[in-house]
C-alpha cells in the first residue's frame, strides 16, 4: 500500500477558500469590493475619470474602416488584436 502526502495542506485549503471568498465579494463590472462600489448615493468615495485606451481606440477605428459599407457575414469570427510597434 502506497501512502502519499496530500496534494494540498490545510493551510493551502484555507488560503484557497479565503481567495474564493474574496473574489466572490468583487464586483464583476469594476473589480472593486461590492461593499464599496454599491455604497448608497452620496456615500461612495468615487470620482469619475475618463481616459481612452489607445490600443482599443485604434482597433475600433481599424475595424470600422475595414467594415464600412461592406457586408461580412463572418464578421463575428474575425480575430483582431493590437501590438506595440517599435519606435
PDB file of N, CA and C in Angstrom:
ATOM      1  N   UNK A   1       0.846  -1.173   0.000  1.00  0.00           N
ATOM      2  CA  UNK A   1       0.000   0.000   0.000  1.00  0.00           C
ATOM      3  C   UNK A   1       0.892   1.237   0.000  1.00  0.00           C
ATOM      4  N   UNK A   2       0.600   2.131  -0.923  1.00  0.00           N
ATOM      5  CA  UNK A   2       1.382   3.361  -1.034  1.00  0.00           C
ATOM      6  C   UNK A   2       0.622   4.501  -0.381  1.00  0.00           C
ATOM      7  N   UNK A   3       1.309   5.223   0.464  1.00  0.00           N
ATOM      8  CA  UNK A   3       0.703   6.414   1.064  1.00  0.00           C
ATOM      9  C   UNK A   3       1.462   7.632   0.569  1.00  0.00           C
ATOM     10  N   UNK A   4       0.717   8.675   0.285  1.00  0.00           N
ATOM     11  CA  UNK A   4       1.330   9.893  -0.230  1.00  0.00           C
ATOM     12  C   UNK A   4       0.911  11.074   0.612  1.00  0.00           C
ATOM     13  N   UNK A   5       1.714  12.095   0.496  1.00  0.00           N
ATOM     14  CA  UNK A   5       1.350  13.358   1.127  1.00  0.00           C
ATOM     15  C   UNK A   5       0.134  13.914   0.404  1.00  0.00           C
ATOM     16  N   UNK A   6      -0.777  14.562   1.111  1.00  0.00           N
ATOM     17  CA  UNK A   6      -1.908  15.164   0.419  1.00  0.00           C
ATOM     18  C   UNK A   6      -1.434  16.260  -0.532  1.00  0.00           C
ATOM     19  N   UNK A   7      -2.149  16.430  -1.634  1.00  0.00           N
ATOM     20  CA  UNK A   7      -1.774  17.426  -2.626  1.00  0.00           C
ATOM     21  C   UNK A   7      -1.802  18.831  -2.029  1.00  0.00           C
ATOM     22  N   UNK A   8      -2.797  19.099  -1.194  1.00  0.00           N
ATOM     23  CA  UNK A   8      -2.921  20.408  -0.553  1.00  0.00           C
ATOM     24  C   UNK A   8      -2.921  20.241   0.961  1.00  0.00           C
ATOM     25  N   UNK A   9      -2.204  21.138   1.609  1.00  0.00           N
ATOM     26  CA  UNK A   9      -2.189  21.122   3.077  1.00  0.00           C
ATOM     27  C   UNK A   9      -3.427  21.864   3.586  1.00  0.00           C
ATOM     28  N   UNK A  10      -3.656  21.786   4.869  1.00  0.00           N
ATOM     29  CA  UNK A  10      -4.766  22.536   5.478  1.00  0.00           C
ATOM     30  C   UNK A  10      -4.588  24.029   5.232  1.00  0.00           C
ATOM     31  N   UNK A  11      -3.357  24.503   5.308  1.00  0.00           N
ATOM     32  CA  UNK A  11      -3.065  25.924   5.047  1.00  0.00           C
ATOM     33  C   UNK A  11      -3.406  26.277   3.600  1.00  0.00           C
ATOM     34  N   UNK A  12      -3.022  25.414   2.665  1.00  0.00           N
ATOM     35  CA  UNK A  12      -3.354  25.644   1.252  1.00  0.00           C
ATOM     36  C   UNK A  12      -4.857  25.747   1.058  1.00  0.00           C
ATOM     37  N   UNK A  13      -5.599  24.812   1.652  1.00  0.00           N
ATOM     38  CA  UNK A  13      -7.055  24.827   1.508  1.00  0.00           C
ATOM     39  C   UNK A  13      -7.661  26.072   2.125  1.00  0.00           C
ATOM     40  N   UNK A  14      -7.145  26.499   3.252  1.00  0.00           N
ATOM     41  CA  UNK A  14      -7.653  27.712   3.903  1.00  0.00           C
ATOM     42  C   UNK A  14      -7.388  28.940   3.028  1.00  0.00           C
ATOM     43  N   UNK A  15      -6.209  29.003   2.431  1.00  0.00           N
ATOM     44  CA  UNK A  15      -5.877  30.142   1.564  1.00  0.00           C
ATOM     45  C   UNK A  15      -6.723  30.138   0.292  1.00  0.00           C
ATOM     46  N   UNK A  16      -6.963  28.971  -0.291  1.00  0.00           N
ATOM     47  CA  UNK A  16      -7.809  28.886  -1.481  1.00  0.00           C
ATOM     48  C   UNK A  16      -9.248  29.286  -1.164  1.00  0.00           C
ATOM     49  N   UNK A  17      -9.737  28.879  -0.009  1.00  0.00           N
ATOM     50  CA  UNK A  17     -11.085  29.266   0.407  1.00  0.00           C
ATOM     51  C   UNK A  17     -11.166  30.770   0.625  1.00  0.00           C
ATOM     52  N   UNK A  18     -10.159  31.339   1.277  1.00  0.00           N
ATOM     53  CA  UNK A  18     -10.135  32.785   1.503  1.00  0.00           C
ATOM     54  C   UNK A  18     -10.091  33.542   0.178  1.00  0.00           C
ATOM     55  N   UNK A  19      -9.312  33.061  -0.782  1.00  0.00           N
ATOM     56  CA  UNK A  19      -9.240  33.697  -2.097  1.00  0.00           C
ATOM     57  C   UNK A  19     -10.586  33.619  -2.806  1.00  0.00           C
ATOM     58  N   UNK A  20     -11.241  32.466  -2.732  1.00  0.00           N
ATOM     59  CA  UNK A  20     -12.559  32.313  -3.366  1.00  0.00           C
ATOM     60  C   UNK A  20     -13.579  33.258  -2.734  1.00  0.00           C
ATOM     61  N   UNK A  21     -13.559  33.385  -1.431  1.00  0.00           N
ATOM     62  CA  UNK A  21     -14.483  34.306  -0.752  1.00  0.00           C
ATOM     63  C   UNK A  21     -14.193  35.747  -1.136  1.00  0.00           C
ATOM     64  N   UNK A  22     -12.925  36.098  -1.224  1.00  0.00           N
ATOM     65  CA  UNK A  22     -12.540  37.458  -1.636  1.00  0.00           C
ATOM     66  C   UNK A  22     -13.040  37.746  -3.049  1.00  0.00           C
ATOM     67  N   UNK A  23     -12.793  36.816  -3.979  1.00  0.00           N
ATOM     68  CA  UNK A  23     -13.210  37.018  -5.369  1.00  0.00           C
ATOM     69  C   UNK A  23     -14.729  37.092  -5.495  1.00  0.00           C
ATOM     70  N   UNK A  24     -15.444  36.314  -4.699  1.00  0.00           N
ATOM     71  CA  UNK A  24     -16.905  36.361  -4.724  1.00  0.00           C
ATOM     72  C   UNK A  24     -17.434  37.721  -4.293  1.00  0.00           C
ATOM     73  N   UNK A  25     -16.658  38.435  -3.489  1.00  0.00           N
ATOM     74  CA  UNK A  25     -17.078  39.736  -2.996  1.00  0.00           C
ATOM     75  C   UNK A  25     -16.732  40.893  -3.917  1.00  0.00           C
ATOM     76  N   UNK A  26     -16.122  40.594  -5.074  1.00  0.00           N
ATOM     77  CA  UNK A  26     -15.738  41.653  -6.010  1.00  0.00           C
ATOM     78  C   UNK A  26     -16.847  41.897  -7.029  1.00  0.00           C
ATOM     79  N   UNK A  27     -16.969  43.121  -7.445  1.00  0.00           N
ATOM     80  CA  UNK A  27     -17.934  43.499  -8.476  1.00  0.00           C
ATOM     81  C   UNK A  27     -17.452  42.955  -9.821  1.00  0.00           C
ATOM     82  N   UNK A  28     -18.321  42.285 -10.574  1.00  0.00           N
ATOM     83  CA  UNK A  28     -17.901  41.766 -11.879  1.00  0.00           C
ATOM     84  C   UNK A  28     -17.696  42.873 -12.922  1.00  0.00           C
ATOM     85  N   UNK A  29     -18.164  44.073 -12.653  1.00  0.00           N
ATOM     86  CA  UNK A  29     -18.016  45.162 -13.611  1.00  0.00           C
ATOM     87  C   UNK A  29     -16.742  45.960 -13.390  1.00  0.00           C
ATOM     88  N   UNK A  30     -16.490  46.393 -12.151  1.00  0.00           N
ATOM     89  CA  UNK A  30     -15.338  47.262 -11.916  1.00  0.00           C
ATOM     90  C   UNK A  30     -14.206  46.582 -11.167  1.00  0.00           C
ATOM     91  N   UNK A  31     -14.456  45.414 -10.570  1.00  0.00           N
ATOM     92  CA  UNK A  31     -13.409  44.678  -9.880  1.00  0.00           C
ATOM     93  C   UNK A  31     -13.130  45.146  -8.455  1.00  0.00           C
ATOM     94  N   UNK A  32     -13.879  46.134  -7.994  1.00  0.00           N
ATOM     95  CA  UNK A  32     -13.706  46.610  -6.615  1.00  0.00           C
ATOM     96  C   UNK A  32     -14.608  45.804  -5.681  1.00  0.00           C
ATOM     97  N   UNK A  33     -14.344  45.880  -4.370  1.00  0.00           N
ATOM     98  CA  UNK A  33     -15.241  45.197  -3.437  1.00  0.00           C
ATOM     99  C   UNK A  33     -16.671  45.726  -3.590  1.00  0.00           C
ATOM    100  N   UNK A  34     -17.633  44.816  -3.601  1.00  0.00           N
ATOM    101  CA  UNK A  34     -19.035  45.223  -3.784  1.00  0.00           C
ATOM    102  C   UNK A  34     -19.506  46.167  -2.690  1.00  0.00           C
ATOM    103  N   UNK A  35     -19.015  46.006  -1.473  1.00  0.00           N
ATOM    104  CA  UNK A  35     -19.452  46.888  -0.389  1.00  0.00           C
ATOM    105  C   UNK A  35     -19.037  48.327  -0.645  1.00  0.00           C
ATOM    106  N   UNK A  36     -17.994  48.518  -1.446  1.00  0.00           N
ATOM    107  CA  UNK A  36     -17.533  49.864  -1.771  1.00  0.00           C
ATOM    108  C   UNK A  36     -18.277  50.417  -2.980  1.00  0.00           C
ATOM    109  N   UNK A  37     -18.336  49.638  -4.064  1.00  0.00           N
ATOM    110  CA  UNK A  37     -18.910  50.177  -5.302  1.00  0.00           C
ATOM    111  C   UNK A  37     -20.430  50.218  -5.287  1.00  0.00           C
ATOM    112  N   UNK A  38     -21.074  49.542  -4.347  1.00  0.00           N
ATOM    113  CA  UNK A  38     -22.530  49.597  -4.265  1.00  0.00           C
ATOM    114  C   UNK A  38     -22.994  50.429  -3.079  1.00  0.00           C
ATOM    115  N   UNK A  39     -22.099  51.249  -2.542  1.00  0.00           N
ATOM    116  CA  UNK A  39     -22.465  52.108  -1.422  1.00  0.00           C
ATOM    117  C   UNK A  39     -23.586  53.060  -1.853  1.00  0.00           C
ATOM    118  N   UNK A  40     -24.445  53.453  -0.919  1.00  0.00           N
ATOM    119  CA  UNK A  40     -25.539  54.357  -1.277  1.00  0.00           C
ATOM    120  C   UNK A  40     -25.034  55.660  -1.894  1.00  0.00           C
ATOM    121  N   UNK A  41     -25.872  56.251  -2.734  1.00  0.00           N
ATOM    122  CA  UNK A  41     -25.558  57.518  -3.405  1.00  0.00           C
ATOM    123  C   UNK A  41     -25.096  58.548  -2.373  1.00  0.00           C
ATOM    124  N   UNK A  42     -24.010  59.205  -2.666  1.00  0.00           N
ATOM    125  CA  UNK A  42     -23.501  60.250  -1.777  1.00  0.00           C
ATOM    126  C   UNK A  42     -22.499  59.765  -0.751  1.00  0.00           C
ATOM    127  N   UNK A  43     -22.444  58.448  -0.505  1.00  0.00           N
ATOM    128  CA  UNK A  43     -21.501  57.954   0.489  1.00  0.00           C
ATOM    129  C   UNK A  43     -20.329  57.214  -0.138  1.00  0.00           C
ATOM    130  N   UNK A  44     -20.287  57.162  -1.453  1.00  0.00           N
ATOM    131  CA  UNK A  44     -19.204  56.445  -2.123  1.00  0.00           C
ATOM    132  C   UNK A  44     -18.001  57.365  -2.319  1.00  0.00           C
ATOM    133  N   UNK A  45     -16.800  56.783  -2.385  1.00  0.00           N
ATOM    134  CA  UNK A  45     -15.573  57.576  -2.493  1.00  0.00           C
ATOM    135  C   UNK A  45     -15.096  57.808  -3.926  1.00  0.00           C
ATOM    136  N   UNK A  46     -15.970  57.715  -4.921  1.00  0.00           N
ATOM    137  CA  UNK A  46     -15.520  57.731  -6.304  1.00  0.00           C
ATOM    138  C   UNK A  46     -15.697  59.073  -6.986  1.00  0.00           C
ATOM    139  N   UNK A  47     -14.769  59.366  -7.866  1.00  0.00           N
ATOM    140  CA  UNK A  47     -14.888  60.454  -8.814  1.00  0.00           C
ATOM    141  C   UNK A  47     -14.747  59.814 -10.189  1.00  0.00           C
ATOM    142  N   UNK A  48     -15.380  60.394 -11.158  1.00  0.00           N
ATOM    143  CA  UNK A  48     -15.308  59.842 -12.499  1.00  0.00           C
ATOM    144  C   UNK A  48     -14.032  60.288 -13.184  1.00  0.00           C
ATOM    145  N   UNK A  49     -13.336  59.328 -13.758  1.00  0.00           N
ATOM    146  CA  UNK A  49     -12.121  59.604 -14.515  1.00  0.00           C
ATOM    147  C   UNK A  49     -12.355  59.032 -15.907  1.00  0.00           C
ATOM    148  N   UNK A  50     -12.083  59.835 -16.910  1.00  0.00           N
ATOM    149  CA  UNK A  50     -12.285  59.382 -18.279  1.00  0.00           C
ATOM    150  C   UNK A  50     -10.952  59.368 -18.996  1.00  0.00           C
ATOM    151  N   UNK A  51     -10.559  58.198 -19.411  1.00  0.00           N
ATOM    152  CA  UNK A  51      -9.334  58.022 -20.175  1.00  0.00           C
ATOM    153  C   UNK A  51      -9.660  57.148 -21.373  1.00  0.00           C
ATOM    154  N   UNK A  52      -8.815  57.165 -22.340  1.00  0.00           N
ATOM    155  CA  UNK A  52      -9.026  56.362 -23.545  1.00  0.00           C
ATOM    156  C   UNK A  52      -7.888  55.360 -23.669  1.00  0.00           C
ATOM    157  N   UNK A  53      -8.243  54.109 -23.832  1.00  0.00           N
ATOM    158  CA  UNK A  53      -7.253  53.080 -24.135  1.00  0.00           C
ATOM    159  C   UNK A  53      -6.917  53.231 -25.614  1.00  0.00           C
ATOM    160  N   UNK A  54      -5.727  53.690 -25.911  1.00  0.00           N
ATOM    161  CA  UNK A  54      -5.355  53.961 -27.292  1.00  0.00           C
ATOM    162  C   UNK A  54      -5.297  52.687 -28.136  1.00  0.00           C
ATOM    163  N   UNK A  55      -4.936  51.580 -27.537  1.00  0.00           N
ATOM    164  CA  UNK A  55      -4.898  50.317 -28.279  1.00  0.00           C
ATOM    165  C   UNK A  55      -6.308  49.935 -28.728  1.00  0.00           C
ATOM    166  N   UNK A  56      -7.277  50.054 -27.823  1.00  0.00           N
ATOM    167  CA  UNK A  56      -8.662  49.723 -28.166  1.00  0.00           C
ATOM    168  C   UNK A  56      -9.226  50.721 -29.162  1.00  0.00           C
ATOM    169  N   UNK A  57      -8.906  51.993 -29.007  1.00  0.00           N
ATOM    170  CA  UNK A  57      -9.385  53.018 -29.936  1.00  0.00           C
ATOM    171  C   UNK A  57      -8.893  52.725 -31.347  1.00  0.00           C
ATOM    172  N   UNK A  58      -7.607  52.417 -31.474  1.00  0.00           N
ATOM    173  CA  UNK A  58      -7.049  52.117 -32.790  1.00  0.00           C
ATOM    174  C   UNK A  58      -7.698  50.863 -33.379  1.00  0.00           C
ATOM    175  N   UNK A  59      -7.945  49.876 -32.558  1.00  0.00           N
ATOM    176  CA  UNK A  59      -8.583  48.651 -33.010  1.00  0.00           C
ATOM    177  C   UNK A  59      -9.985  48.943 -33.547  1.00  0.00           C
ATOM    178  N   UNK A  60     -10.756  49.710 -32.817  1.00  0.00           N
ATOM    179  CA  UNK A  60     -12.116  50.054 -33.245  1.00  0.00           C
ATOM    180  C   UNK A  60     -12.084  50.866 -34.537  1.00  0.00           C
ATOM    181  N   UNK A  61     -11.171  51.826 -34.623  1.00  0.00           N
ATOM    182  CA  UNK A  61     -11.085  52.635 -35.834  1.00  0.00           C
ATOM    183  C   UNK A  61     -10.730  51.773 -37.045  1.00  0.00           C
ATOM    184  N   UNK A  62      -9.802  50.837 -36.894  1.00  0.00           N
ATOM    185  CA  UNK A  62      -9.415  49.960 -37.997  1.00  0.00           C
ATOM    186  C   UNK A  62     -10.570  49.050 -38.394  1.00  0.00           C
ATOM    187  N   UNK A  63     -11.300  48.520 -37.400  1.00  0.00           N
ATOM    188  CA  UNK A  63     -12.447  47.674 -37.703  1.00  0.00           C
ATOM    189  C   UNK A  63     -13.514  48.466 -38.460  1.00  0.00           C
ATOM    190  N   UNK A  64     -13.823  49.664 -37.995  1.00  0.00           N
ATOM    191  CA  UNK A  64     -14.839  50.485 -38.651  1.00  0.00           C
ATOM    192  C   UNK A  64     -14.437  50.802 -40.087  1.00  0.00           C
ATOM    193  N   UNK A  65     -13.175  51.104 -40.313  1.00  0.00           N
ATOM    194  CA  UNK A  65     -12.709  51.405 -41.669  1.00  0.00           C
ATOM    195  C   UNK A  65     -12.773  50.165 -42.557  1.00  0.00           C
ATOM    196  N   UNK A  66     -12.472  49.018 -42.004  1.00  0.00           N
ATOM    197  CA  UNK A  66     -12.487  47.779 -42.778  1.00  0.00           C
ATOM    198  C   UNK A  66     -13.899  47.384 -43.174  1.00  0.00           C
ATOM    199  N   UNK A  67     -14.842  47.504 -42.240  1.00  0.00           N
ATOM    200  CA  UNK A  67     -16.195  47.022 -42.477  1.00  0.00           C
ATOM    201  C   UNK A  67     -17.125  48.077 -43.081  1.00  0.00           C
ATOM    202  N   UNK A  68     -16.689  49.293 -43.183  1.00  0.00           N
ATOM    203  CA  UNK A  68     -17.556  50.385 -43.629  1.00  0.00           C
ATOM    204  C   UNK A  68     -18.153  50.095 -45.010  1.00  0.00           C
ATOM    205  N   UNK A  69     -19.481  50.050 -45.078  1.00  0.00           N
ATOM    206  CA  UNK A  69     -20.184  49.865 -46.330  1.00  0.00           C
ATOM    207  C   UNK A  69     -20.032  48.488 -46.953  1.00  0.00           C
ATOM    208  N   UNK A  70     -19.489  47.541 -46.235  1.00  0.00           N
ATOM    209  CA  UNK A  70     -19.275  46.202 -46.786  1.00  0.00           C
ATOM    210  C   UNK A  70     -20.011  45.175 -45.938  1.00  0.00           C
ATOM    211  N   UNK A  71     -20.411  44.105 -46.562  1.00  0.00           N
ATOM    212  CA  UNK A  71     -21.102  43.040 -45.853  1.00  0.00           C
ATOM    213  C   UNK A  71     -20.129  41.893 -45.601  1.00  0.00           C
ATOM    214  N   UNK A  72     -19.930  41.584 -44.363  1.00  0.00           N
ATOM    215  CA  UNK A  72     -19.083  40.455 -43.971  1.00  0.00           C
ATOM    216  C   UNK A  72     -19.934  39.516 -43.119  1.00  0.00           C
ATOM    217  N   UNK A  73     -20.478  38.453 -43.699  1.00  0.00           N
ATOM    218  CA  UNK A  73     -21.325  37.556 -42.914  1.00  0.00           C
ATOM    219  C   UNK A  73     -20.572  36.854 -41.789  1.00  0.00           C
ATOM    220  N   UNK A  74     -19.259  36.750 -41.909  1.00  0.00           N
ATOM    221  CA  UNK A  74     -18.480  36.067 -40.868  1.00  0.00           C
ATOM    222  C   UNK A  74     -17.746  37.066 -39.973  1.00  0.00           C
ATOM    223  N   UNK A  75     -18.217  38.291 -39.940  1.00  0.00           N
ATOM    224  CA  UNK A  75     -17.551  39.354 -39.175  1.00  0.00           C
ATOM    225  C   UNK A  75     -17.305  38.964 -37.721  1.00  0.00           C
ATOM    226  N   UNK A  76     -18.272  38.288 -37.109  1.00  0.00           N
ATOM    227  CA  UNK A  76     -18.127  37.899 -35.711  1.00  0.00           C
ATOM    228  C   UNK A  76     -17.011  36.901 -35.462  1.00  0.00           C
ATOM    229  N   UNK A  77     -16.531  36.251 -36.501  1.00  0.00           N
ATOM    230  CA  UNK A  77     -15.461  35.265 -36.352  1.00  0.00           C
ATOM    231  C   UNK A  77     -14.085  35.844 -36.644  1.00  0.00           C
ATOM    232  N   UNK A  78     -14.031  37.095 -37.049  1.00  0.00           N
ATOM    233  CA  UNK A  78     -12.736  37.710 -37.345  1.00  0.00           C
ATOM    234  C   UNK A  78     -11.980  37.960 -36.046  1.00  0.00           C
ATOM    235  N   UNK A  79     -10.711  37.637 -36.044  1.00  0.00           N
ATOM    236  CA  UNK A  79      -9.865  37.830 -34.869  1.00  0.00           C
ATOM    237  C   UNK A  79      -9.041  39.094 -35.061  1.00  0.00           C
ATOM    238  N   UNK A  80      -9.164  40.001 -34.133  1.00  0.00           N
ATOM    239  CA  UNK A  80      -8.429  41.257 -34.190  1.00  0.00           C
ATOM    240  C   UNK A  80      -7.545  41.355 -32.957  1.00  0.00           C
ATOM    241  N   UNK A  81      -6.446  42.071 -33.075  1.00  0.00           N
ATOM    242  CA  UNK A  81      -5.569  42.299 -31.942  1.00  0.00           C
ATOM    243  C   UNK A  81      -4.713  43.515 -32.182  1.00  0.00           C
ATOM    244  N   UNK A  82      -3.986  43.899 -31.192  1.00  0.00           N
ATOM    245  CA  UNK A  82      -3.069  45.032 -31.316  1.00  0.00           C
ATOM    246  C   UNK A  82      -1.688  44.600 -30.863  1.00  0.00           C
ATOM    247  N   UNK A  83      -0.683  45.262 -31.397  1.00  0.00           N
ATOM    248  CA  UNK A  83       0.692  45.035 -30.971  1.00  0.00           C
ATOM    249  C   UNK A  83       1.341  46.388 -30.743  1.00  0.00           C
ATOM    250  N   UNK A  84       2.409  46.387 -30.019  1.00  0.00           N
ATOM    251  CA  UNK A  84       3.171  47.614 -29.791  1.00  0.00           C
ATOM    252  C   UNK A  84       4.287  47.638 -30.801  1.00  0.00           C
ATOM    253  N   UNK A  85       4.337  48.696 -31.591  1.00  0.00           N
ATOM    254  CA  UNK A  85       5.384  48.794 -32.608  1.00  0.00           C
ATOM    255  C   UNK A  85       6.585  49.520 -32.020  1.00  0.00           C
ATOM    256  N   UNK A  86       7.736  49.143 -32.497  1.00  0.00           N
ATOM    257  CA  UNK A  86       8.975  49.769 -32.058  1.00  0.00           C
ATOM    258  C   UNK A  86       9.052  51.174 -32.637  1.00  0.00           C
ATOM    259  N   UNK A  87       9.541  52.097 -31.869  1.00  0.00           N
ATOM    260  CA  UNK A  87       9.682  53.479 -32.348  1.00  0.00           C
ATOM    261  C   UNK A  87      11.066  53.729 -32.832  1.00  0.00           C
TER     262      UNK A  87
END
